[in-house]
Amino acid sequence: MTNVPRTIRPPTTKTMLLMGPLLAGAAVAVALGVYGRMHTPTGVAVNLAGFSGPQAAKTWLATVSAAFALVQLGSALVMYGKVRFVRAPSWIGGLHRWSGRIAFLVAVPVAVHCLYALGFQSAEPRVLIHSLLGCLFFGAFTTKMLTLRKDGMPGWVLPVFGGVVFTGIVGLWLSASLWFFTTSGVHF
């Protein structure tokens, strides 16, 4: 059997269009992880009036963000015709965009608190998974936003990165907010 060299095909234009956003998303994820690991945690970063403490504020903000992520999922399914019994109303695109904006804006103080007050932690599996999901979420979000309005992108890009963003936020909620509610109770 002879060893025939394989021909290396040059990347397609669509692949090249995706490389920039992918590299930017990867850079964001790695930068957040490195910062979180190298930064000395302060213990407190975000505390909002009306909550019993920073952990409760973070938990409820994350819950609001996850709820808006569910609206994102539902509206995307309707927009792309995956919910057969519902015809997409004219306002569904606006609902999708605004629910995403709100979900992200509410998630930012949570991320600031996690990074600044707690850092990237790996002492126990739940916390390590949470730290990794936080980096994944913001990296995937960056990639999704950079590919959103780019002409020529493959049709699978937005659903895949939207799914990764959704999975990230749900995983973050499950690994922190649900944990808080089950260990501390549901309270403000």
N, C-alpha and C. Protein backbone atom coordinates (compact mmCIF):
# COMPACT_ATOMS: atom_id res chain seq x y z
N MET A 1 0.85 -1.17 0.00
CA MET A 1 0.00 0.00 0.00
C MET A 1 0.89 1.24 0.00
N THR A 2 0.69 2.06 -0.97
CA THR A 2 1.51 3.27 -1.05
C THR A 2 0.85 4.38 -0.26
N ASN A 3 1.68 5.21 0.22
CA ASN A 3 1.20 6.34 1.00
C ASN A 3 1.01 7.54 0.06
N VAL A 4 -0.23 7.74 -0.36
CA VAL A 4 -0.54 8.82 -1.29
C VAL A 4 -0.93 10.05 -0.47
N PRO A 5 -0.26 11.16 -0.71
CA PRO A 5 -0.62 12.37 0.05
C PRO A 5 -2.04 12.83 -0.31
N ARG A 6 -2.76 13.22 0.72
CA ARG A 6 -4.10 13.74 0.50
C ARG A 6 -4.01 15.18 0.01
N THR A 7 -4.91 15.51 -0.85
CA THR A 7 -4.96 16.88 -1.34
C THR A 7 -5.67 17.74 -0.30
N ILE A 8 -5.04 18.80 0.05
CA ILE A 8 -5.65 19.73 1.01
C ILE A 8 -6.41 20.78 0.21
N ARG A 9 -7.71 20.80 0.48
CA ARG A 9 -8.54 21.77 -0.22
C ARG A 9 -8.46 23.11 0.48
N PRO A 10 -8.43 24.18 -0.27
CA PRO A 10 -8.43 25.49 0.37
C PRO A 10 -9.79 25.73 1.03
N PRO A 11 -9.81 26.49 2.12
CA PRO A 11 -11.08 26.76 2.78
C PRO A 11 -12.02 27.53 1.87
N THR A 12 -13.31 27.24 2.01
CA THR A 12 -14.30 27.95 1.20
C THR A 12 -14.50 29.35 1.76
N THR A 13 -15.15 30.18 0.99
CA THR A 13 -15.44 31.55 1.42
C THR A 13 -16.31 31.53 2.67
N LYS A 14 -17.28 30.61 2.70
CA LYS A 14 -18.16 30.53 3.87
C LYS A 14 -17.36 30.14 5.12
N THR A 15 -16.41 29.24 4.96
CA THR A 15 -15.57 28.86 6.09
C THR A 15 -14.73 30.03 6.55
N MET A 16 -14.20 30.77 5.61
CA MET A 16 -13.38 31.93 5.96
C MET A 16 -14.21 33.00 6.65
N LEU A 17 -15.47 33.18 6.25
CA LEU A 17 -16.35 34.15 6.90
C LEU A 17 -16.57 33.78 8.37
N LEU A 18 -16.59 32.51 8.66
CA LEU A 18 -16.85 32.04 10.01
C LEU A 18 -15.62 32.09 10.90
N MET A 19 -14.44 32.08 10.32
CA MET A 19 -13.21 32.02 11.11
C MET A 19 -13.03 33.23 12.04
N GLY A 20 -13.29 34.42 11.55
CA GLY A 20 -13.14 35.62 12.38
C GLY A 20 -14.03 35.58 13.61
N PRO A 21 -15.35 35.38 13.43
CA PRO A 21 -16.22 35.29 14.60
C PRO A 21 -15.87 34.13 15.54
N LEU A 22 -15.46 32.99 14.99
CA LEU A 22 -15.06 31.87 15.84
C LEU A 22 -13.83 32.21 16.68
N LEU A 23 -12.85 32.83 16.03
CA LEU A 23 -11.64 33.21 16.76
C LEU A 23 -11.94 34.26 17.82
N ALA A 24 -12.80 35.22 17.49
CA ALA A 24 -13.18 36.24 18.47
C ALA A 24 -13.91 35.61 19.65
N GLY A 25 -14.85 34.70 19.37
CA GLY A 25 -15.56 34.02 20.45
C GLY A 25 -14.63 33.20 21.33
N ALA A 26 -13.70 32.50 20.70
CA ALA A 26 -12.73 31.72 21.46
C ALA A 26 -11.85 32.63 22.32
N ALA A 27 -11.46 33.77 21.77
CA ALA A 27 -10.64 34.72 22.52
C ALA A 27 -11.40 35.26 23.74
N VAL A 28 -12.69 35.56 23.57
CA VAL A 28 -13.50 36.04 24.69
C VAL A 28 -13.59 34.96 25.77
N ALA A 29 -13.89 33.73 25.36
CA ALA A 29 -14.01 32.63 26.33
C ALA A 29 -12.71 32.42 27.10
N VAL A 30 -11.61 32.39 26.39
CA VAL A 30 -10.31 32.17 27.04
C VAL A 30 -9.95 33.36 27.93
N ALA A 31 -10.17 34.57 27.44
CA ALA A 31 -9.84 35.77 28.24
C ALA A 31 -10.64 35.79 29.54
N LEU A 32 -11.92 35.45 29.48
CA LEU A 32 -12.73 35.42 30.70
C LEU A 32 -12.22 34.35 31.67
N GLY A 33 -11.89 33.19 31.14
CA GLY A 33 -11.36 32.13 31.98
C GLY A 33 -10.04 32.49 32.63
N VAL A 34 -9.14 33.07 31.85
CA VAL A 34 -7.83 33.47 32.38
C VAL A 34 -8.00 34.58 33.42
N TYR A 35 -8.81 35.59 33.10
CA TYR A 35 -9.05 36.67 34.07
C TYR A 35 -9.64 36.09 35.36
N GLY A 36 -10.67 35.26 35.21
CA GLY A 36 -11.32 34.69 36.39
C GLY A 36 -10.38 33.84 37.23
N ARG A 37 -9.45 33.19 36.59
CA ARG A 37 -8.49 32.34 37.31
C ARG A 37 -7.38 33.16 37.96
N MET A 38 -6.92 34.21 37.29
CA MET A 38 -5.79 35.00 37.78
C MET A 38 -6.21 36.07 38.79
N HIS A 39 -7.44 36.53 38.67
CA HIS A 39 -7.96 37.60 39.54
C HIS A 39 -8.20 37.06 40.95
N THR A 40 -7.85 37.84 41.94
CA THR A 40 -8.12 37.46 43.32
C THR A 40 -9.56 37.85 43.64
N PRO A 41 -10.43 36.86 43.93
CA PRO A 41 -11.84 37.15 44.19
C PRO A 41 -12.03 38.09 45.38
N THR A 42 -13.01 38.99 45.26
CA THR A 42 -13.29 39.97 46.31
C THR A 42 -14.40 39.53 47.25
N GLY A 43 -15.23 38.59 46.81
CA GLY A 43 -16.34 38.13 47.62
C GLY A 43 -17.64 38.84 47.32
N VAL A 44 -17.59 40.12 46.98
CA VAL A 44 -18.80 40.90 46.67
C VAL A 44 -18.50 41.79 45.48
N ALA A 45 -19.41 41.84 44.54
CA ALA A 45 -19.26 42.75 43.41
C ALA A 45 -20.58 43.43 43.09
N VAL A 46 -21.68 42.68 43.13
CA VAL A 46 -22.98 43.23 42.78
C VAL A 46 -23.93 42.93 43.93
N ASN A 47 -24.53 43.98 44.47
CA ASN A 47 -25.54 43.81 45.49
C ASN A 47 -26.63 44.83 45.21
N LEU A 48 -27.83 44.35 44.97
CA LEU A 48 -28.93 45.22 44.61
C LEU A 48 -29.88 45.39 45.79
N ALA A 49 -30.40 46.60 45.94
CA ALA A 49 -31.38 46.86 46.99
C ALA A 49 -32.59 45.97 46.79
N GLY A 50 -33.15 45.50 47.89
CA GLY A 50 -34.33 44.65 47.83
C GLY A 50 -34.02 43.17 47.93
N PHE A 51 -32.75 42.81 47.82
CA PHE A 51 -32.35 41.41 47.93
C PHE A 51 -31.62 41.20 49.24
N SER A 52 -31.68 39.98 49.75
CA SER A 52 -31.04 39.68 51.04
C SER A 52 -29.52 39.68 50.96
N GLY A 53 -28.97 39.58 49.76
CA GLY A 53 -27.52 39.60 49.61
C GLY A 53 -27.14 39.44 48.15
N PRO A 54 -25.85 39.49 47.86
CA PRO A 54 -25.41 39.40 46.47
C PRO A 54 -25.76 38.07 45.81
N GLN A 55 -25.73 36.97 46.57
CA GLN A 55 -26.05 35.67 45.98
C GLN A 55 -27.51 35.61 45.55
N ALA A 56 -28.41 36.15 46.38
CA ALA A 56 -29.83 36.17 46.02
C ALA A 56 -30.06 37.07 44.80
N ALA A 57 -29.40 38.22 44.76
CA ALA A 57 -29.54 39.12 43.60
C ALA A 57 -29.05 38.43 42.34
N LYS A 58 -27.91 37.80 42.42
CA LYS A 58 -27.35 37.08 41.27
C LYS A 58 -28.28 35.96 40.81
N THR A 59 -28.81 35.23 41.76
CA THR A 59 -29.70 34.11 41.45
C THR A 59 -30.96 34.58 40.74
N TRP A 60 -31.57 35.63 41.23
CA TRP A 60 -32.81 36.11 40.61
C TRP A 60 -32.55 36.76 39.26
N LEU A 61 -31.46 37.50 39.12
CA LEU A 61 -31.12 38.06 37.80
C LEU A 61 -30.87 36.94 36.80
N ALA A 62 -30.18 35.89 37.23
CA ALA A 62 -29.94 34.75 36.34
C ALA A 62 -31.25 34.06 35.97
N THR A 63 -32.18 34.01 36.90
CA THR A 63 -33.48 33.40 36.63
C THR A 63 -34.25 34.21 35.59
N VAL A 64 -34.21 35.53 35.72
CA VAL A 64 -34.86 36.41 34.73
C VAL A 64 -34.20 36.21 33.36
N SER A 65 -32.89 36.16 33.34
CA SER A 65 -32.17 35.95 32.08
C SER A 65 -32.53 34.61 31.45
N ALA A 66 -32.61 33.56 32.25
CA ALA A 66 -32.98 32.24 31.73
C ALA A 66 -34.42 32.23 31.22
N ALA A 67 -35.30 32.96 31.89
CA ALA A 67 -36.70 33.03 31.43
C ALA A 67 -36.76 33.71 30.06
N PHE A 68 -36.00 34.78 29.88
CA PHE A 68 -35.97 35.44 28.58
C PHE A 68 -35.30 34.56 27.52
N ALA A 69 -34.37 33.71 27.95
CA ALA A 69 -33.77 32.75 27.01
C ALA A 69 -34.82 31.75 26.53
N LEU A 70 -35.74 31.38 27.39
CA LEU A 70 -36.85 30.50 26.98
C LEU A 70 -37.75 31.20 25.96
N VAL A 71 -37.96 32.50 26.16
CA VAL A 71 -38.73 33.29 25.18
C VAL A 71 -37.97 33.30 23.85
N GLN A 72 -36.66 33.43 23.91
CA GLN A 72 -35.82 33.38 22.71
C GLN A 72 -36.00 32.06 21.97
N LEU A 73 -35.96 30.97 22.70
CA LEU A 73 -36.11 29.65 22.09
C LEU A 73 -37.49 29.52 21.44
N GLY A 74 -38.52 29.87 22.18
CA GLY A 74 -39.88 29.77 21.63
C GLY A 74 -40.08 30.64 20.41
N SER A 75 -39.61 31.87 20.47
CA SER A 75 -39.80 32.78 19.33
C SER A 75 -38.97 32.33 18.13
N ALA A 76 -37.78 31.77 18.36
CA ALA A 76 -36.97 31.26 17.24
C ALA A 76 -37.67 30.08 16.58
N LEU A 77 -38.24 29.20 17.38
CA LEU A 77 -38.95 28.05 16.81
C LEU A 77 -40.15 28.49 15.97
N VAL A 78 -40.85 29.52 16.43
CA VAL A 78 -41.98 30.04 15.66
C VAL A 78 -41.48 30.73 14.39
N MET A 79 -40.44 31.56 14.51
CA MET A 79 -39.92 32.31 13.35
C MET A 79 -39.46 31.39 12.24
N TYR A 80 -38.82 30.29 12.61
CA TYR A 80 -38.26 29.39 11.61
C TYR A 80 -39.20 28.24 11.24
N GLY A 81 -40.47 28.38 11.63
CA GLY A 81 -41.48 27.42 11.20
C GLY A 81 -41.39 26.05 11.84
N LYS A 82 -40.77 25.94 12.99
CA LYS A 82 -40.64 24.65 13.67
C LYS A 82 -41.84 24.33 14.55
N VAL A 83 -42.69 25.32 14.79
CA VAL A 83 -43.94 25.10 15.50
C VAL A 83 -45.02 25.14 14.43
N ARG A 84 -45.44 24.00 13.99
CA ARG A 84 -46.31 23.87 12.82
C ARG A 84 -47.70 24.48 13.01
N PHE A 85 -48.24 24.45 14.19
CA PHE A 85 -49.61 24.90 14.38
C PHE A 85 -49.72 26.41 14.61
N VAL A 86 -48.60 27.10 14.60
CA VAL A 86 -48.61 28.54 14.80
C VAL A 86 -47.99 29.22 13.59
N ARG A 87 -48.72 30.16 13.02
CA ARG A 87 -48.17 30.97 11.93
C ARG A 87 -47.42 32.14 12.58
N ALA A 88 -46.22 32.41 12.12
CA ALA A 88 -45.40 33.45 12.73
C ALA A 88 -46.07 34.81 12.60
N PRO A 89 -46.42 35.44 13.73
CA PRO A 89 -47.00 36.78 13.66
C PRO A 89 -45.93 37.80 13.27
N SER A 90 -46.36 38.95 12.83
CA SER A 90 -45.42 39.99 12.36
C SER A 90 -44.52 40.50 13.48
N TRP A 91 -44.94 40.41 14.71
CA TRP A 91 -44.18 40.96 15.83
C TRP A 91 -43.18 39.96 16.43
N ILE A 92 -43.13 38.74 15.92
CA ILE A 92 -42.29 37.71 16.55
C ILE A 92 -40.80 38.03 16.45
N GLY A 93 -40.39 38.65 15.35
CA GLY A 93 -38.97 39.04 15.21
C GLY A 93 -38.57 40.06 16.25
N GLY A 94 -39.43 41.04 16.49
CA GLY A 94 -39.16 42.05 17.52
C GLY A 94 -39.09 41.42 18.91
N LEU A 95 -40.03 40.51 19.19
CA LEU A 95 -40.01 39.81 20.47
C LEU A 95 -38.70 39.03 20.63
N HIS A 96 -38.28 38.37 19.58
CA HIS A 96 -37.05 37.59 19.63
C HIS A 96 -35.84 38.49 19.91
N ARG A 97 -35.74 39.58 19.17
CA ARG A 97 -34.60 40.50 19.37
C ARG A 97 -34.60 41.11 20.77
N TRP A 98 -35.75 41.60 21.22
CA TRP A 98 -35.80 42.27 22.51
C TRP A 98 -35.64 41.30 23.68
N SER A 99 -36.18 40.10 23.56
CA SER A 99 -35.98 39.13 24.64
C SER A 99 -34.50 38.75 24.74
N GLY A 100 -33.81 38.68 23.62
CA GLY A 100 -32.37 38.40 23.64
C GLY A 100 -31.59 39.54 24.25
N ARG A 101 -31.95 40.75 23.91
CA ARG A 101 -31.26 41.92 24.48
C ARG A 101 -31.44 41.96 25.99
N ILE A 102 -32.67 41.75 26.43
CA ILE A 102 -32.95 41.79 27.87
C ILE A 102 -32.22 40.64 28.58
N ALA A 103 -32.27 39.45 28.01
CA ALA A 103 -31.58 38.30 28.62
C ALA A 103 -30.10 38.60 28.79
N PHE A 104 -29.49 39.19 27.76
CA PHE A 104 -28.06 39.49 27.83
C PHE A 104 -27.79 40.60 28.85
N LEU A 105 -28.56 41.68 28.80
CA LEU A 105 -28.33 42.80 29.72
C LEU A 105 -28.50 42.38 31.18
N VAL A 106 -29.44 41.51 31.45
CA VAL A 106 -29.64 41.03 32.82
C VAL A 106 -28.52 40.06 33.21
N ALA A 107 -27.94 39.37 32.25
CA ALA A 107 -26.87 38.42 32.54
C ALA A 107 -25.54 39.11 32.82
N VAL A 108 -25.35 40.32 32.32
CA VAL A 108 -24.06 41.00 32.49
C VAL A 108 -23.71 41.24 33.97
N PRO A 109 -24.62 41.80 34.80
CA PRO A 109 -24.23 41.96 36.21
C PRO A 109 -23.96 40.62 36.91
N VAL A 110 -24.63 39.58 36.48
CA VAL A 110 -24.38 38.25 37.03
C VAL A 110 -22.95 37.83 36.69
N ALA A 111 -22.56 38.01 35.44
CA ALA A 111 -21.21 37.65 35.01
C ALA A 111 -20.16 38.49 35.72
N VAL A 112 -20.44 39.78 35.88
CA VAL A 112 -19.50 40.66 36.59
C VAL A 112 -19.32 40.16 38.02
N HIS A 113 -20.44 39.84 38.65
CA HIS A 113 -20.35 39.33 40.02
C HIS A 113 -19.54 38.03 40.07
N CYS A 114 -19.87 37.11 39.16
CA CYS A 114 -19.17 35.83 39.16
C CYS A 114 -17.67 36.01 38.95
N LEU A 115 -17.31 36.81 37.96
CA LEU A 115 -15.89 36.99 37.65
C LEU A 115 -15.15 37.75 38.74
N TYR A 116 -15.71 38.87 39.16
CA TYR A 116 -15.01 39.76 40.09
C TYR A 116 -15.05 39.23 41.52
N ALA A 117 -16.22 38.76 41.95
CA ALA A 117 -16.37 38.34 43.34
C ALA A 117 -15.92 36.91 43.57
N LEU A 118 -16.08 36.04 42.58
CA LEU A 118 -15.82 34.62 42.80
C LEU A 118 -14.67 34.07 41.96
N GLY A 119 -14.49 34.59 40.76
CA GLY A 119 -13.43 34.11 39.88
C GLY A 119 -13.75 32.76 39.26
N PHE A 120 -12.82 32.23 38.50
CA PHE A 120 -12.95 30.91 37.89
C PHE A 120 -12.55 29.90 38.96
N GLN A 121 -13.48 29.05 39.34
CA GLN A 121 -13.21 28.10 40.41
C GLN A 121 -13.32 26.67 39.92
N SER A 122 -12.58 25.79 40.57
CA SER A 122 -12.59 24.39 40.16
C SER A 122 -12.55 23.43 41.35
N ALA A 123 -12.89 23.92 42.54
CA ALA A 123 -12.78 23.11 43.75
C ALA A 123 -13.73 21.92 43.76
N GLU A 124 -14.89 22.06 43.15
CA GLU A 124 -15.84 20.96 43.10
C GLU A 124 -16.45 20.90 41.71
N PRO A 125 -16.94 19.75 41.28
CA PRO A 125 -17.43 19.60 39.90
C PRO A 125 -18.50 20.61 39.50
N ARG A 126 -19.48 20.87 40.37
CA ARG A 126 -20.55 21.81 40.03
C ARG A 126 -19.99 23.20 39.72
N VAL A 127 -19.05 23.63 40.52
CA VAL A 127 -18.49 24.97 40.35
C VAL A 127 -17.59 25.02 39.12
N LEU A 128 -16.83 23.96 38.86
CA LEU A 128 -16.00 23.91 37.66
C LEU A 128 -16.88 23.95 36.41
N ILE A 129 -17.93 23.15 36.40
CA ILE A 129 -18.86 23.14 35.25
C ILE A 129 -19.46 24.53 35.07
N HIS A 130 -19.84 25.18 36.17
CA HIS A 130 -20.41 26.51 36.08
C HIS A 130 -19.41 27.51 35.49
N SER A 131 -18.18 27.45 35.94
CA SER A 131 -17.14 28.35 35.42
C SER A 131 -16.91 28.12 33.93
N LEU A 132 -16.83 26.87 33.54
CA LEU A 132 -16.63 26.55 32.11
C LEU A 132 -17.82 26.99 31.27
N LEU A 133 -19.04 26.78 31.77
CA LEU A 133 -20.24 27.20 31.04
C LEU A 133 -20.31 28.71 30.89
N GLY A 134 -19.85 29.44 31.91
CA GLY A 134 -19.83 30.91 31.81
C GLY A 134 -18.93 31.37 30.68
N CYS A 135 -17.75 30.77 30.58
CA CYS A 135 -16.82 31.11 29.49
C CYS A 135 -17.42 30.70 28.14
N LEU A 136 -18.00 29.50 28.08
CA LEU A 136 -18.63 29.03 26.85
C LEU A 136 -19.77 29.96 26.42
N PHE A 137 -20.62 30.34 27.36
CA PHE A 137 -21.76 31.20 27.04
C PHE A 137 -21.30 32.50 26.39
N PHE A 138 -20.37 33.21 27.01
CA PHE A 138 -19.97 34.51 26.47
C PHE A 138 -19.15 34.37 25.19
N GLY A 139 -18.40 33.29 25.05
CA GLY A 139 -17.70 33.03 23.79
C GLY A 139 -18.67 32.73 22.66
N ALA A 140 -19.65 31.87 22.92
CA ALA A 140 -20.65 31.53 21.90
C ALA A 140 -21.53 32.74 21.58
N PHE A 141 -21.86 33.53 22.59
CA PHE A 141 -22.65 34.74 22.36
C PHE A 141 -21.91 35.70 21.44
N THR A 142 -20.62 35.87 21.69
CA THR A 142 -19.80 36.74 20.84
C THR A 142 -19.81 36.24 19.40
N THR A 143 -19.60 34.95 19.22
CA THR A 143 -19.59 34.37 17.88
C THR A 143 -20.94 34.57 17.20
N LYS A 144 -22.03 34.30 17.93
CA LYS A 144 -23.37 34.44 17.36
C LYS A 144 -23.62 35.88 16.93
N MET A 145 -23.28 36.83 17.77
CA MET A 145 -23.54 38.24 17.44
C MET A 145 -22.71 38.69 16.24
N LEU A 146 -21.48 38.19 16.12
CA LEU A 146 -20.64 38.59 15.00
C LEU A 146 -21.07 37.94 13.68
N THR A 147 -21.79 36.84 13.75
CA THR A 147 -22.25 36.18 12.52
C THR A 147 -23.67 36.61 12.14
N LEU A 148 -24.35 37.28 13.02
CA LEU A 148 -25.77 37.58 12.86
C LEU A 148 -26.12 38.28 11.56
N ARG A 149 -25.46 39.32 11.23
CA ARG A 149 -25.79 40.12 10.06
C ARG A 149 -24.79 39.97 8.91
N LYS A 150 -23.97 38.95 8.98
CA LYS A 150 -22.94 38.75 7.96
C LYS A 150 -23.52 37.98 6.78
N ASP A 151 -23.50 38.58 5.62
CA ASP A 151 -24.00 37.90 4.42
C ASP A 151 -23.09 36.75 4.04
N GLY A 152 -23.69 35.68 3.51
CA GLY A 152 -22.92 34.55 3.02
C GLY A 152 -22.64 33.47 4.04
N MET A 153 -23.13 33.64 5.27
CA MET A 153 -22.91 32.62 6.30
C MET A 153 -23.72 31.37 5.98
N PRO A 154 -23.17 30.21 6.30
CA PRO A 154 -23.96 28.98 6.12
C PRO A 154 -25.23 29.05 6.96
N GLY A 155 -26.31 28.44 6.49
CA GLY A 155 -27.59 28.50 7.17
C GLY A 155 -27.61 27.86 8.54
N TRP A 156 -26.68 26.98 8.83
CA TRP A 156 -26.67 26.28 10.12
C TRP A 156 -26.02 27.10 11.24
N VAL A 157 -25.32 28.18 10.90
CA VAL A 157 -24.52 28.91 11.90
C VAL A 157 -25.39 29.49 13.02
N LEU A 158 -26.41 30.26 12.67
CA LEU A 158 -27.22 30.88 13.72
C LEU A 158 -27.94 29.87 14.60
N PRO A 159 -28.59 28.85 14.04
CA PRO A 159 -29.22 27.87 14.94
C PRO A 159 -28.23 27.15 15.84
N VAL A 160 -27.05 26.84 15.33
CA VAL A 160 -26.07 26.13 16.15
C VAL A 160 -25.57 27.03 17.27
N PHE A 161 -25.15 28.25 16.95
CA PHE A 161 -24.64 29.12 18.00
C PHE A 161 -25.74 29.62 18.91
N GLY A 162 -26.94 29.81 18.38
CA GLY A 162 -28.09 30.13 19.24
C GLY A 162 -28.35 28.99 20.22
N GLY A 163 -28.23 27.75 19.73
CA GLY A 163 -28.41 26.59 20.60
C GLY A 163 -27.33 26.48 21.66
N VAL A 164 -26.10 26.80 21.29
CA VAL A 164 -25.00 26.76 22.25
C VAL A 164 -25.20 27.84 23.32
N VAL A 165 -25.62 29.04 22.89
CA VAL A 165 -25.88 30.13 23.84
C VAL A 165 -27.01 29.72 24.78
N PHE A 166 -28.10 29.17 24.23
CA PHE A 166 -29.22 28.73 25.06
C PHE A 166 -28.79 27.64 26.02
N THR A 167 -28.05 26.65 25.53
CA THR A 167 -27.58 25.57 26.39
C THR A 167 -26.68 26.11 27.49
N GLY A 168 -25.84 27.07 27.14
CA GLY A 168 -24.96 27.68 28.14
C GLY A 168 -25.73 28.37 29.25
N ILE A 169 -26.73 29.16 28.88
CA ILE A 169 -27.46 29.91 29.91
C ILE A 169 -28.31 28.98 30.77
N VAL A 170 -28.89 27.95 30.16
CA VAL A 170 -29.66 26.98 30.94
C VAL A 170 -28.72 26.20 31.88
N GLY A 171 -27.56 25.79 31.37
CA GLY A 171 -26.59 25.10 32.21
C GLY A 171 -26.09 25.96 33.35
N LEU A 172 -25.88 27.25 33.07
CA LEU A 172 -25.47 28.18 34.12
C LEU A 172 -26.55 28.29 35.19
N TRP A 173 -27.81 28.40 34.75
CA TRP A 173 -28.90 28.50 35.71
C TRP A 173 -29.01 27.23 36.55
N LEU A 174 -28.91 26.08 35.90
CA LEU A 174 -29.03 24.81 36.62
C LEU A 174 -27.89 24.62 37.62
N SER A 175 -26.68 25.06 37.26
CA SER A 175 -25.51 24.82 38.12
C SER A 175 -25.33 25.87 39.20
N ALA A 176 -26.13 26.94 39.20
CA ALA A 176 -25.98 27.95 40.24
C ALA A 176 -27.33 28.35 40.85
N SER A 177 -28.23 28.85 40.03
CA SER A 177 -29.51 29.34 40.58
C SER A 177 -30.34 28.20 41.16
N LEU A 178 -30.49 27.12 40.42
CA LEU A 178 -31.25 25.98 40.94
C LEU A 178 -30.59 25.46 42.21
N TRP A 179 -29.27 25.38 42.20
CA TRP A 179 -28.53 24.95 43.40
C TRP A 179 -28.85 25.88 44.57
N PHE A 180 -28.83 27.19 44.34
CA PHE A 180 -29.12 28.16 45.40
C PHE A 180 -30.54 27.97 45.92
N PHE A 181 -31.50 27.85 45.00
CA PHE A 181 -32.90 27.68 45.42
C PHE A 181 -33.10 26.39 46.22
N THR A 182 -32.42 25.33 45.84
CA THR A 182 -32.60 24.05 46.55
C THR A 182 -31.85 23.99 47.87
N THR A 183 -30.77 24.76 48.00
CA THR A 183 -30.01 24.73 49.27
C THR A 183 -30.43 25.84 50.23
N SER A 184 -30.85 27.00 49.69
CA SER A 184 -31.20 28.14 50.55
C SER A 184 -32.68 28.45 50.58
N GLY A 185 -33.43 27.86 49.68
CA GLY A 185 -34.85 28.18 49.60
C GLY A 185 -35.10 29.30 48.60
N VAL A 186 -36.35 29.43 48.23
CA VAL A 186 -36.73 30.47 47.28
C VAL A 186 -37.13 31.71 48.08
N HIS A 187 -36.24 32.69 48.06
CA HIS A 187 -36.51 33.97 48.76
C HIS A 187 -35.71 35.07 48.10
N PHE A 188 -36.06 36.28 48.43
CA PHE A 188 -35.35 37.43 47.89
C PHE A 188 -34.31 37.83 48.90
